[in-house]
Amino acid sequence: MSTTTGHRIFSTTVASVYALYLVKVEKKGRTQDELDAVIRWLTGFDEAELERHLAAGTTFEDFFAAANLNPNAASITGVVCGVRVESIEDPLMQEIRYLDKLVDELAKGRPLEKVLRT
């Protein structure tokens, strides 16, 4: 499946970036369970579905196509890689940046309840 914008991250596997997310949060004293909770909150996947996507080498494009995005995702605001996530026009890129932002917040020590907008 090709994307209209063809950004490289769209065809990158979630599992390859997940490994980097895990290193980032563990370096800051957070756990894999917390990382998984953040991903499940955003995507609506349960633990088994998340594991399946990671094992299958699902691309970001297919991962978010299968996701049921959390209705509170629009409350994720701020800057990732110098770009405001709320102003990103490409829906898929915005979803990927939402995930990046949540992982950043987790790594920065923000309480999980705040990261999950509860």
PDB file of N, CA and C in Angstrom:
ATOM      1  N   MET A   1       0.848  -1.180   0.000  1.00  0.00           N
ATOM      2  CA  MET A   1       0.000   0.000   0.000  1.00  0.00           C
ATOM      3  C   MET A   1       0.893   1.242   0.000  1.00  0.00           C
ATOM      4  N   SER A   2       0.692   2.127  -0.951  1.00  0.00           N
ATOM      5  CA  SER A   2       1.523   3.326  -0.977  1.00  0.00           C
ATOM      6  C   SER A   2       0.707   4.528  -0.537  1.00  0.00           C
ATOM      7  N   THR A   3       1.392   5.479   0.037  1.00  0.00           N
ATOM      8  CA  THR A   3       0.707   6.661   0.533  1.00  0.00           C
ATOM      9  C   THR A   3       0.824   7.788  -0.483  1.00  0.00           C
ATOM     10  N   THR A   4      -0.069   8.739  -0.372  1.00  0.00           N
ATOM     11  CA  THR A   4      -0.043   9.852  -1.303  1.00  0.00           C
ATOM     12  C   THR A   4       1.189  10.723  -1.065  1.00  0.00           C
ATOM     13  N   THR A   5       1.595  10.861   0.189  1.00  0.00           N
ATOM     14  CA  THR A   5       2.765  11.679   0.465  1.00  0.00           C
ATOM     15  C   THR A   5       4.045  10.859   0.432  1.00  0.00           C
ATOM     16  N   GLY A   6       3.928   9.549   0.637  1.00  0.00           N
ATOM     17  CA  GLY A   6       5.076   8.663   0.540  1.00  0.00           C
ATOM     18  C   GLY A   6       6.155   8.883   1.586  1.00  0.00           C
ATOM     19  N   HIS A   7       5.836   9.448   2.731  1.00  0.00           N
ATOM     20  CA  HIS A   7       6.840   9.674   3.767  1.00  0.00           C
ATOM     21  C   HIS A   7       7.401   8.339   4.237  1.00  0.00           C
ATOM     22  N   ARG A   8       8.697   8.286   4.443  1.00  0.00           N
ATOM     23  CA  ARG A   8       9.377   7.038   4.803  1.00  0.00           C
ATOM     24  C   ARG A   8       8.822   6.394   6.070  1.00  0.00           C
ATOM     25  N   ILE A   9       8.424   7.203   7.051  1.00  0.00           N
ATOM     26  CA  ILE A   9       7.931   6.640   8.319  1.00  0.00           C
ATOM     27  C   ILE A   9       6.661   5.819   8.102  1.00  0.00           C
ATOM     28  N   PHE A  10       5.863   6.140   7.087  1.00  0.00           N
ATOM     29  CA  PHE A  10       4.606   5.425   6.852  1.00  0.00           C
ATOM     30  C   PHE A  10       4.838   3.945   6.562  1.00  0.00           C
ATOM     31  N   SER A  11       5.948   3.642   5.884  1.00  0.00           N
ATOM     32  CA  SER A  11       6.235   2.248   5.535  1.00  0.00           C
ATOM     33  C   SER A  11       7.229   1.601   6.499  1.00  0.00           C
ATOM     34  N   THR A  12       7.597   2.315   7.548  1.00  0.00           N
ATOM     35  CA  THR A  12       8.471   1.772   8.589  1.00  0.00           C
ATOM     36  C   THR A  12       7.647   0.869   9.499  1.00  0.00           C
ATOM     37  N   THR A  13       8.257  -0.216   9.981  1.00  0.00           N
ATOM     38  CA  THR A  13       7.510  -1.098  10.873  1.00  0.00           C
ATOM     39  C   THR A  13       7.409  -0.476  12.254  1.00  0.00           C
ATOM     40  N   VAL A  14       6.260  -0.669  12.871  1.00  0.00           N
ATOM     41  CA  VAL A  14       6.029  -0.169  14.223  1.00  0.00           C
ATOM     42  C   VAL A  14       7.019  -0.837  15.182  1.00  0.00           C
ATOM     43  N   ALA A  15       7.290  -2.123  14.957  1.00  0.00           N
ATOM     44  CA  ALA A  15       8.197  -2.865  15.843  1.00  0.00           C
ATOM     45  C   ALA A  15       9.591  -2.244  15.879  1.00  0.00           C
ATOM     46  N   SER A  16      10.076  -1.748  14.739  1.00  0.00           N
ATOM     47  CA  SER A  16      11.424  -1.163  14.712  1.00  0.00           C
ATOM     48  C   SER A  16      11.486   0.122  15.530  1.00  0.00           C
ATOM     49  N   VAL A  17      10.430   0.914  15.509  1.00  0.00           N
ATOM     50  CA  VAL A  17      10.389   2.152  16.284  1.00  0.00           C
ATOM     51  C   VAL A  17      10.033   1.857  17.743  1.00  0.00           C
ATOM     52  N   TYR A  18       9.211   0.830  17.959  1.00  0.00           N
ATOM     53  CA  TYR A  18       8.834   0.415  19.319  1.00  0.00           C
ATOM     54  C   TYR A  18      10.094   0.122  20.142  1.00  0.00           C
ATOM     55  N   ALA A  19      11.051  -0.547  19.533  1.00  0.00           N
ATOM     56  CA  ALA A  19      12.301  -0.866  20.236  1.00  0.00           C
ATOM     57  C   ALA A  19      13.007   0.409  20.690  1.00  0.00           C
ATOM     58  N   LEU A  20      12.971   1.444  19.864  1.00  0.00           N
ATOM     59  CA  LEU A  20      13.588   2.728  20.211  1.00  0.00           C
ATOM     60  C   LEU A  20      12.794   3.439  21.306  1.00  0.00           C
ATOM     61  N   TYR A  21      11.461   3.376  21.198  1.00  0.00           N
ATOM     62  CA  TYR A  21      10.605   3.945  22.243  1.00  0.00           C
ATOM     63  C   TYR A  21      10.921   3.290  23.584  1.00  0.00           C
ATOM     64  N   LEU A  22      11.061   1.957  23.567  1.00  0.00           N
ATOM     65  CA  LEU A  22      11.297   1.212  24.801  1.00  0.00           C
ATOM     66  C   LEU A  22      12.616   1.625  25.449  1.00  0.00           C
ATOM     67  N   VAL A  23      13.669   1.734  24.641  1.00  0.00           N
ATOM     68  CA  VAL A  23      14.971   2.167  25.161  1.00  0.00           C
ATOM     69  C   VAL A  23      14.837   3.562  25.769  1.00  0.00           C
ATOM     70  N   LYS A  24      14.135   4.449  25.078  1.00  0.00           N
ATOM     71  CA  LYS A  24      13.963   5.832  25.538  1.00  0.00           C
ATOM     72  C   LYS A  24      13.266   5.891  26.897  1.00  0.00           C
ATOM     73  N   VAL A  25      12.158   5.162  27.048  1.00  0.00           N
ATOM     74  CA  VAL A  25      11.414   5.248  28.313  1.00  0.00           C
ATOM     75  C   VAL A  25      12.121   4.501  29.438  1.00  0.00           C
ATOM     76  N   GLU A  26      12.761   3.370  29.123  1.00  0.00           N
ATOM     77  CA  GLU A  26      13.454   2.615  30.168  1.00  0.00           C
ATOM     78  C   GLU A  26      14.660   3.378  30.702  1.00  0.00           C
ATOM     79  N   LYS A  27      15.318   4.148  29.823  1.00  0.00           N
ATOM     80  CA  LYS A  27      16.446   4.983  30.257  1.00  0.00           C
ATOM     81  C   LYS A  27      16.003   5.987  31.310  1.00  0.00           C
ATOM     82  N   LYS A  28      14.733   6.371  31.248  1.00  0.00           N
ATOM     83  CA  LYS A  28      14.179   7.362  32.168  1.00  0.00           C
ATOM     84  C   LYS A  28      13.418   6.713  33.325  1.00  0.00           C
ATOM     85  N   GLY A  29      13.595   5.385  33.489  1.00  0.00           N
ATOM     86  CA  GLY A  29      12.995   4.704  34.630  1.00  0.00           C
ATOM     87  C   GLY A  29      11.538   4.293  34.445  1.00  0.00           C
ATOM     88  N   ARG A  30      11.041   4.338  33.227  1.00  0.00           N
ATOM     89  CA  ARG A  30       9.670   3.909  32.967  1.00  0.00           C
ATOM     90  C   ARG A  30       9.693   2.461  32.477  1.00  0.00           C
ATOM     91  N   THR A  31       8.516   1.823  32.402  1.00  0.00           N
ATOM     92  CA  THR A  31       8.468   0.393  32.088  1.00  0.00           C
ATOM     93  C   THR A  31       7.826   0.118  30.729  1.00  0.00           C
ATOM     94  N   GLN A  32       8.040  -1.105  30.250  1.00  0.00           N
ATOM     95  CA  GLN A  32       7.407  -1.547  29.012  1.00  0.00           C
ATOM     96  C   GLN A  32       5.888  -1.564  29.179  1.00  0.00           C
ATOM     97  N   ASP A  33       5.413  -1.941  30.367  1.00  0.00           N
ATOM     98  CA  ASP A  33       3.964  -1.938  30.622  1.00  0.00           C
ATOM     99  C   ASP A  33       3.381  -0.535  30.452  1.00  0.00           C
ATOM    100  N   GLU A  34       4.107   0.474  30.939  1.00  0.00           N
ATOM    101  CA  GLU A  34       3.631   1.856  30.788  1.00  0.00           C
ATOM    102  C   GLU A  34       3.629   2.272  29.322  1.00  0.00           C
ATOM    103  N   LEU A  35       4.685   1.899  28.586  1.00  0.00           N
ATOM    104  CA  LEU A  35       4.746   2.200  27.150  1.00  0.00           C
ATOM    105  C   LEU A  35       3.576   1.543  26.434  1.00  0.00           C
ATOM    106  N   ASP A  36       3.334   0.268  26.732  1.00  0.00           N
ATOM    107  CA  ASP A  36       2.230  -0.453  26.093  1.00  0.00           C
ATOM    108  C   ASP A  36       0.890   0.175  26.444  1.00  0.00           C
ATOM    109  N   ALA A  37       0.733   0.626  27.677  1.00  0.00           N
ATOM    110  CA  ALA A  37      -0.512   1.269  28.092  1.00  0.00           C
ATOM    111  C   ALA A  37      -0.768   2.530  27.278  1.00  0.00           C
ATOM    112  N   VAL A  38       0.276   3.295  27.028  1.00  0.00           N
ATOM    113  CA  VAL A  38       0.170   4.520  26.231  1.00  0.00           C
ATOM    114  C   VAL A  38      -0.255   4.183  24.798  1.00  0.00           C
ATOM    115  N   ILE A  39       0.391   3.186  24.214  1.00  0.00           N
ATOM    116  CA  ILE A  39       0.072   2.793  22.830  1.00  0.00           C
ATOM    117  C   ILE A  39      -1.352   2.253  22.746  1.00  0.00           C
ATOM    118  N   ARG A  40      -1.737   1.422  23.718  1.00  0.00           N
ATOM    119  CA  ARG A  40      -3.099   0.860  23.708  1.00  0.00           C
ATOM    120  C   ARG A  40      -4.145   1.954  23.899  1.00  0.00           C
ATOM    121  N   TRP A  41      -3.856   2.935  24.752  1.00  0.00           N
ATOM    122  CA  TRP A  41      -4.795   4.048  24.970  1.00  0.00           C
ATOM    123  C   TRP A  41      -5.032   4.799  23.655  1.00  0.00           C
ATOM    124  N   LEU A  42      -3.946   5.085  22.927  1.00  0.00           N
ATOM    125  CA  LEU A  42      -4.065   5.861  21.695  1.00  0.00           C
ATOM    126  C   LEU A  42      -4.756   5.072  20.587  1.00  0.00           C
ATOM    127  N   THR A  43      -4.412   3.801  20.453  1.00  0.00           N
ATOM    128  CA  THR A  43      -4.864   3.017  19.288  1.00  0.00           C
ATOM    129  C   THR A  43      -6.138   2.220  19.518  1.00  0.00           C
ATOM    130  N   GLY A  44      -6.480   1.967  20.789  1.00  0.00           N
ATOM    131  CA  GLY A  44      -7.638   1.125  21.066  1.00  0.00           C
ATOM    132  C   GLY A  44      -7.336  -0.361  20.977  1.00  0.00           C
ATOM    133  N   PHE A  45      -6.090  -0.729  20.689  1.00  0.00           N
ATOM    134  CA  PHE A  45      -5.726  -2.147  20.625  1.00  0.00           C
ATOM    135  C   PHE A  45      -5.656  -2.721  22.031  1.00  0.00           C
ATOM    136  N   ASP A  46      -5.997  -4.005  22.161  1.00  0.00           N
ATOM    137  CA  ASP A  46      -5.741  -4.668  23.438  1.00  0.00           C
ATOM    138  C   ASP A  46      -4.317  -5.239  23.389  1.00  0.00           C
ATOM    139  N   GLU A  47      -3.909  -5.840  24.487  1.00  0.00           N
ATOM    140  CA  GLU A  47      -2.530  -6.338  24.577  1.00  0.00           C
ATOM    141  C   GLU A  47      -2.205  -7.336  23.463  1.00  0.00           C
ATOM    142  N   ALA A  48      -3.127  -8.264  23.199  1.00  0.00           N
ATOM    143  CA  ALA A  48      -2.897  -9.292  22.177  1.00  0.00           C
ATOM    144  C   ALA A  48      -2.780  -8.670  20.781  1.00  0.00           C
ATOM    145  N   GLU A  49      -3.648  -7.694  20.484  1.00  0.00           N
ATOM    146  CA  GLU A  49      -3.587  -7.033  19.170  1.00  0.00           C
ATOM    147  C   GLU A  49      -2.268  -6.288  19.004  1.00  0.00           C
ATOM    148  N   LEU A  50      -1.833  -5.583  20.042  1.00  0.00           N
ATOM    149  CA  LEU A  50      -0.563  -4.861  19.975  1.00  0.00           C
ATOM    150  C   LEU A  50       0.576  -5.840  19.731  1.00  0.00           C
ATOM    151  N   GLU A  51       0.599  -6.937  20.487  1.00  0.00           N
ATOM    152  CA  GLU A  51       1.639  -7.957  20.303  1.00  0.00           C
ATOM    153  C   GLU A  51       1.638  -8.516  18.876  1.00  0.00           C
ATOM    154  N   ARG A  52       0.438  -8.764  18.347  1.00  0.00           N
ATOM    155  CA  ARG A  52       0.312  -9.284  16.982  1.00  0.00           C
ATOM    156  C   ARG A  52       0.915  -8.315  15.959  1.00  0.00           C
ATOM    157  N   HIS A  53       0.595  -7.030  16.096  1.00  0.00           N
ATOM    158  CA  HIS A  53       1.128  -6.025  15.162  1.00  0.00           C
ATOM    159  C   HIS A  53       2.651  -5.944  15.255  1.00  0.00           C
ATOM    160  N   LEU A  54       3.186  -5.997  16.467  1.00  0.00           N
ATOM    161  CA  LEU A  54       4.634  -5.936  16.639  1.00  0.00           C
ATOM    162  C   LEU A  54       5.299  -7.170  16.031  1.00  0.00           C
ATOM    163  N   ALA A  55       4.719  -8.339  16.269  1.00  0.00           N
ATOM    164  CA  ALA A  55       5.293  -9.588  15.744  1.00  0.00           C
ATOM    165  C   ALA A  55       5.184  -9.680  14.223  1.00  0.00           C
ATOM    166  N   ALA A  56       4.111  -9.130  13.668  1.00  0.00           N
ATOM    167  CA  ALA A  56       3.859  -9.231  12.232  1.00  0.00           C
ATOM    168  C   ALA A  56       4.659  -8.219  11.407  1.00  0.00           C
ATOM    169  N   GLY A  57       5.295  -7.265  12.061  1.00  0.00           N
ATOM    170  CA  GLY A  57       6.039  -6.254  11.313  1.00  0.00           C
ATOM    171  C   GLY A  57       5.121  -5.274  10.591  1.00  0.00           C
ATOM    172  N   THR A  58       3.983  -4.959  11.205  1.00  0.00           N
ATOM    173  CA  THR A  58       3.013  -4.029  10.635  1.00  0.00           C
ATOM    174  C   THR A  58       3.651  -2.648  10.438  1.00  0.00           C
ATOM    175  N   THR A  59       3.368  -2.024   9.296  1.00  0.00           N
ATOM    176  CA  THR A  59       3.869  -0.671   9.045  1.00  0.00           C
ATOM    177  C   THR A  59       3.010   0.338   9.815  1.00  0.00           C
ATOM    178  N   PHE A  60       3.540   1.532  10.000  1.00  0.00           N
ATOM    179  CA  PHE A  60       2.757   2.576  10.670  1.00  0.00           C
ATOM    180  C   PHE A  60       1.459   2.849   9.917  1.00  0.00           C
ATOM    181  N   GLU A  61       1.530   2.836   8.590  1.00  0.00           N
ATOM    182  CA  GLU A  61       0.329   3.091   7.793  1.00  0.00           C
ATOM    183  C   GLU A  61      -0.766   2.072   8.097  1.00  0.00           C
ATOM    184  N   ASP A  62      -0.410   0.790   8.099  1.00  0.00           N
ATOM    185  CA  ASP A  62      -1.398  -0.258   8.363  1.00  0.00           C
ATOM    186  C   ASP A  62      -1.802  -0.309   9.840  1.00  0.00           C
ATOM    187  N   PHE A  63      -0.850   0.001  10.724  1.00  0.00           N
ATOM    188  CA  PHE A  63      -1.102   0.008  12.167  1.00  0.00           C
ATOM    189  C   PHE A  63      -2.193   1.020  12.500  1.00  0.00           C
ATOM    190  N   PHE A  64      -2.039   2.243  12.014  1.00  0.00           N
ATOM    191  CA  PHE A  64      -3.036   3.269  12.319  1.00  0.00           C
ATOM    192  C   PHE A  64      -4.317   3.085  11.512  1.00  0.00           C
ATOM    193  N   ALA A  65      -4.233   2.432  10.347  1.00  0.00           N
ATOM    194  CA  ALA A  65      -5.453   2.127   9.580  1.00  0.00           C
ATOM    195  C   ALA A  65      -6.321   1.142  10.362  1.00  0.00           C
ATOM    196  N   ALA A  66      -5.692   0.233  11.111  1.00  0.00           N
ATOM    197  CA  ALA A  66      -6.417  -0.767  11.899  1.00  0.00           C
ATOM    198  C   ALA A  66      -6.836  -0.230  13.275  1.00  0.00           C
ATOM    199  N   ALA A  67      -6.240   0.883  13.685  1.00  0.00           N
ATOM    200  CA  ALA A  67      -6.493   1.423  15.026  1.00  0.00           C
ATOM    201  C   ALA A  67      -7.856   2.106  15.112  1.00  0.00           C
ATOM    202  N   ASN A  68      -8.363   2.126  16.337  1.00  0.00           N
ATOM    203  CA  ASN A  68      -9.574   2.884  16.648  1.00  0.00           C
ATOM    204  C   ASN A  68      -9.100   4.025  17.555  1.00  0.00           C
ATOM    205  N   LEU A  69      -8.678   5.128  16.938  1.00  0.00           N
ATOM    206  CA  LEU A  69      -8.023   6.208  17.672  1.00  0.00           C
ATOM    207  C   LEU A  69      -8.876   6.717  18.829  1.00  0.00           C
ATOM    208  N   ASN A  70      -8.227   6.911  19.965  1.00  0.00           N
ATOM    209  CA  ASN A  70      -8.917   7.410  21.151  1.00  0.00           C
ATOM    210  C   ASN A  70      -9.558   8.764  20.852  1.00  0.00           C
ATOM    211  N   PRO A  71     -10.829   8.937  21.239  1.00  0.00           N
ATOM    212  CA  PRO A  71     -11.504  10.214  20.981  1.00  0.00           C
ATOM    213  C   PRO A  71     -10.810  11.406  21.645  1.00  0.00           C
ATOM    214  N   ASN A  72     -10.034  11.149  22.697  1.00  0.00           N
ATOM    215  CA  ASN A  72      -9.310  12.229  23.373  1.00  0.00           C
ATOM    216  C   ASN A  72      -7.956  12.535  22.735  1.00  0.00           C
ATOM    217  N   ALA A  73      -7.637  11.862  21.633  1.00  0.00           N
ATOM    218  CA  ALA A  73      -6.342  12.096  20.984  1.00  0.00           C
ATOM    219  C   ALA A  73      -6.185  13.550  20.556  1.00  0.00           C
ATOM    220  N   ALA A  74      -7.282  14.198  20.209  1.00  0.00           N
ATOM    221  CA  ALA A  74      -7.212  15.604  19.788  1.00  0.00           C
ATOM    222  C   ALA A  74      -6.738  16.521  20.908  1.00  0.00           C
ATOM    223  N   SER A  75      -6.766  16.024  22.154  1.00  0.00           N
ATOM    224  CA  SER A  75      -6.291  16.844  23.269  1.00  0.00           C
ATOM    225  C   SER A  75      -4.766  16.766  23.419  1.00  0.00           C
ATOM    226  N   ILE A  76      -4.115  15.984  22.572  1.00  0.00           N
ATOM    227  CA  ILE A  76      -2.651  15.894  22.592  1.00  0.00           C
ATOM    228  C   ILE A  76      -2.118  17.100  21.819  1.00  0.00           C
ATOM    229  N   THR A  77      -1.412  17.962  22.529  1.00  0.00           N
ATOM    230  CA  THR A  77      -0.865  19.158  21.896  1.00  0.00           C
ATOM    231  C   THR A  77       0.591  19.308  22.287  1.00  0.00           C
ATOM    232  N   GLY A  78       1.280  20.151  21.567  1.00  0.00           N
ATOM    233  CA  GLY A  78       2.677  20.401  21.879  1.00  0.00           C
ATOM    234  C   GLY A  78       3.540  20.216  20.660  1.00  0.00           C
ATOM    235  N   VAL A  79       4.849  20.225  20.885  1.00  0.00           N
ATOM    236  CA  VAL A  79       5.801  20.202  19.786  1.00  0.00           C
ATOM    237  C   VAL A  79       6.585  18.892  19.790  1.00  0.00           C
ATOM    238  N   VAL A  80       6.683  18.279  18.606  1.00  0.00           N
ATOM    239  CA  VAL A  80       7.526  17.102  18.400  1.00  0.00           C
ATOM    240  C   VAL A  80       8.368  17.392  17.163  1.00  0.00           C
ATOM    241  N   CYS A  81       9.668  17.258  17.286  1.00  0.00           N
ATOM    242  CA  CYS A  81      10.580  17.531  16.167  1.00  0.00           C
ATOM    243  C   CYS A  81      10.352  18.930  15.591  1.00  0.00           C
ATOM    244  N   GLY A  82      10.075  19.882  16.462  1.00  0.00           N
ATOM    245  CA  GLY A  82       9.905  21.259  16.036  1.00  0.00           C
ATOM    246  C   GLY A  82       8.582  21.589  15.364  1.00  0.00           C
ATOM    247  N   VAL A  83       7.652  20.634  15.375  1.00  0.00           N
ATOM    248  CA  VAL A  83       6.363  20.844  14.714  1.00  0.00           C
ATOM    249  C   VAL A  83       5.236  20.661  15.734  1.00  0.00           C
ATOM    250  N   ARG A  84       4.271  21.591  15.734  1.00  0.00           N
ATOM    251  CA  ARG A  84       3.103  21.464  16.621  1.00  0.00           C
ATOM    252  C   ARG A  84       2.241  20.309  16.131  1.00  0.00           C
ATOM    253  N   VAL A  85       1.988  19.325  16.987  1.00  0.00           N
ATOM    254  CA  VAL A  85       1.221  18.149  16.562  1.00  0.00           C
ATOM    255  C   VAL A  85      -0.201  18.508  16.162  1.00  0.00           C
ATOM    256  N   GLU A  86      -0.794  19.514  16.822  1.00  0.00           N
ATOM    257  CA  GLU A  86      -2.178  19.868  16.517  1.00  0.00           C
ATOM    258  C   GLU A  86      -2.322  20.565  15.162  1.00  0.00           C
ATOM    259  N   SER A  87      -1.201  21.003  14.561  1.00  0.00           N
ATOM    260  CA  SER A  87      -1.302  21.699  13.275  1.00  0.00           C
ATOM    261  C   SER A  87      -0.823  20.851  12.092  1.00  0.00           C
ATOM    262  N   ILE A  88      -0.519  19.585  12.332  1.00  0.00           N
ATOM    263  CA  ILE A  88      -0.091  18.694  11.245  1.00  0.00           C
ATOM    264  C   ILE A  88      -1.313  18.355  10.395  1.00  0.00           C
ATOM    265  N   GLU A  89      -1.204  18.558   9.086  1.00  0.00           N
ATOM    266  CA  GLU A  89      -2.358  18.375   8.206  1.00  0.00           C
ATOM    267  C   GLU A  89      -2.573  16.926   7.766  1.00  0.00           C
ATOM    268  N   ASP A  90      -1.501  16.182   7.539  1.00  0.00           N
ATOM    269  CA  ASP A  90      -1.640  14.792   7.107  1.00  0.00           C
ATOM    270  C   ASP A  90      -2.127  13.956   8.292  1.00  0.00           C
ATOM    271  N   PRO A  91      -3.317  13.344   8.184  1.00  0.00           N
ATOM    272  CA  PRO A  91      -3.877  12.607   9.334  1.00  0.00           C
ATOM    273  C   PRO A  91      -2.967  11.487   9.854  1.00  0.00           C
ATOM    274  N   LEU A  92      -2.338  10.736   8.958  1.00  0.00           N
ATOM    275  CA  LEU A  92      -1.459   9.646   9.393  1.00  0.00           C
ATOM    276  C   LEU A  92      -0.228  10.200  10.110  1.00  0.00           C
ATOM    277  N   MET A  93       0.373  11.232   9.559  1.00  0.00           N
ATOM    278  CA  MET A  93       1.545  11.833  10.208  1.00  0.00           C
ATOM    279  C   MET A  93       1.146  12.388  11.579  1.00  0.00           C
ATOM    280  N   GLN A  94      -0.032  12.960  11.675  1.00  0.00           N
ATOM    281  CA  GLN A  94      -0.493  13.497  12.956  1.00  0.00           C
ATOM    282  C   GLN A  94      -0.639  12.370  13.983  1.00  0.00           C
ATOM    283  N   GLU A  95      -1.192  11.233  13.559  1.00  0.00           N
ATOM    284  CA  GLU A  95      -1.349  10.096  14.482  1.00  0.00           C
ATOM    285  C   GLU A  95       0.006   9.583  14.961  1.00  0.00           C
ATOM    286  N   ILE A  96       0.968   9.509  14.038  1.00  0.00           N
ATOM    287  CA  ILE A  96       2.313   9.060  14.406  1.00  0.00           C
ATOM    288  C   ILE A  96       2.933  10.046  15.390  1.00  0.00           C
ATOM    289  N   ARG A  97       2.742  11.333  15.163  1.00  0.00           N
ATOM    290  CA  ARG A  97       3.287  12.358  16.058  1.00  0.00           C
ATOM    291  C   ARG A  97       2.572  12.374  17.400  1.00  0.00           C
ATOM    292  N   TYR A  98       1.290  12.052  17.419  1.00  0.00           N
ATOM    293  CA  TYR A  98       0.582  11.889  18.694  1.00  0.00           C
ATOM    294  C   TYR A  98       1.303  10.833  19.531  1.00  0.00           C
ATOM    295  N   LEU A  99       1.619   9.711  18.879  1.00  0.00           N
ATOM    296  CA  LEU A  99       2.304   8.631  19.585  1.00  0.00           C
ATOM    297  C   LEU A  99       3.672   9.102  20.076  1.00  0.00           C
ATOM    298  N   ASP A 100       4.421   9.794  19.211  1.00  0.00           N
ATOM    299  CA  ASP A 100       5.729  10.323  19.612  1.00  0.00           C
ATOM    300  C   ASP A 100       5.593  11.241  20.834  1.00  0.00           C
ATOM    301  N   LYS A 101       4.587  12.089  20.811  1.00  0.00           N
ATOM    302  CA  LYS A 101       4.380  13.048  21.901  1.00  0.00           C
ATOM    303  C   LYS A 101       4.065  12.331  23.213  1.00  0.00           C
ATOM    304  N   LEU A 102       3.212  11.305  23.150  1.00  0.00           N
ATOM    305  CA  LEU A 102       2.884  10.541  24.355  1.00  0.00           C
ATOM    306  C   LEU A 102       4.117   9.845  24.924  1.00  0.00           C
ATOM    307  N   VAL A 103       4.933   9.279  24.035  1.00  0.00           N
ATOM    308  CA  VAL A 103       6.161   8.605  24.483  1.00  0.00           C
ATOM    309  C   VAL A 103       7.120   9.624  25.103  1.00  0.00           C
ATOM    310  N   ASP A 104       7.220  10.802  24.499  1.00  0.00           N
ATOM    311  CA  ASP A 104       8.066  11.863  25.065  1.00  0.00           C
ATOM    312  C   ASP A 104       7.607  12.238  26.466  1.00  0.00           C
ATOM    313  N   GLU A 105       6.293  12.412  26.626  1.00  0.00           N
ATOM    314  CA  GLU A 105       5.756  12.785  27.937  1.00  0.00           C
ATOM    315  C   GLU A 105       6.042  11.700  28.974  1.00  0.00           C
ATOM    316  N   LEU A 106       5.878  10.442  28.574  1.00  0.00           N
ATOM    317  CA  LEU A 106       6.167   9.327  29.476  1.00  0.00           C
ATOM    318  C   LEU A 106       7.641   9.354  29.882  1.00  0.00           C
ATOM    319  N   ALA A 107       8.518   9.542  28.906  1.00  0.00           N
ATOM    320  CA  ALA A 107       9.959   9.550  29.170  1.00  0.00           C
ATOM    321  C   ALA A 107      10.370  10.744  30.039  1.00  0.00           C
ATOM    322  N   LYS A 108       9.620  11.829  29.950  1.00  0.00           N
ATOM    323  CA  LYS A 108       9.957  13.012  30.746  1.00  0.00           C
ATOM    324  C   LYS A 108       9.442  12.911  32.185  1.00  0.00           C
ATOM    325  N   GLY A 109       8.821  11.774  32.520  1.00  0.00           N
ATOM    326  CA  GLY A 109       8.406  11.545  33.902  1.00  0.00           C
ATOM    327  C   GLY A 109       6.999  12.013  34.230  1.00  0.00           C
ATOM    328  N   ARG A 110       6.242  12.392  33.220  1.00  0.00           N
ATOM    329  CA  ARG A 110       4.869  12.823  33.474  1.00  0.00           C
ATOM    330  C   ARG A 110       4.059  11.639  34.004  1.00  0.00           C
ATOM    331  N   PRO A 111       3.211  11.849  35.006  1.00  0.00           N
ATOM    332  CA  PRO A 111       2.402  10.740  35.535  1.00  0.00           C
ATOM    333  C   PRO A 111       1.555  10.102  34.427  1.00  0.00           C
ATOM    334  N   LEU A 112       1.438   8.784  34.467  1.00  0.00           N
ATOM    335  CA  LEU A 112       0.715   8.051  33.430  1.00  0.00           C
ATOM    336  C   LEU A 112      -0.715   8.580  33.265  1.00  0.00           C
ATOM    337  N   GLU A 113      -1.369   8.938  34.364  1.00  0.00           N
ATOM    338  CA  GLU A 113      -2.750   9.436  34.278  1.00  0.00           C
ATOM    339  C   GLU A 113      -2.812  10.706  33.432  1.00  0.00           C
ATOM    340  N   LYS A 114      -1.793  11.537  33.547  1.00  0.00           N
ATOM    341  CA  LYS A 114      -1.756  12.792  32.757  1.00  0.00           C
ATOM    342  C   LYS A 114      -1.434  12.494  31.292  1.00  0.00           C
ATOM    343  N   VAL A 115      -0.489  11.567  31.067  1.00  0.00           N
ATOM    344  CA  VAL A 115      -0.133  11.189  29.697  1.00  0.00           C
ATOM    345  C   VAL A 115      -1.381  10.656  28.989  1.00  0.00           C
ATOM    346  N   LEU A 116      -2.189   9.882  29.717  1.00  0.00           N
ATOM    347  CA  LEU A 116      -3.384   9.268  29.123  1.00  0.00           C
ATOM    348  C   LEU A 116      -4.616  10.180  29.161  1.00  0.00           C
ATOM    349  N   ARG A 117      -4.407  11.435  29.528  1.00  0.00           N
ATOM    350  CA  ARG A 117      -5.478  12.433  29.522  1.00  0.00           C
ATOM    351  C   ARG A 117      -6.704  11.978  30.312  1.00  0.00           C
ATOM    352  N   THR A 118      -6.473  11.388  31.514  1.00  0.00           N
ATOM    353  CA  THR A 118      -7.609  10.946  32.329  1.00  0.00           C
ATOM    354  C   THR A 118      -7.859  11.909  33.468  1.00  0.00           C
TER     355      THR A 118
END
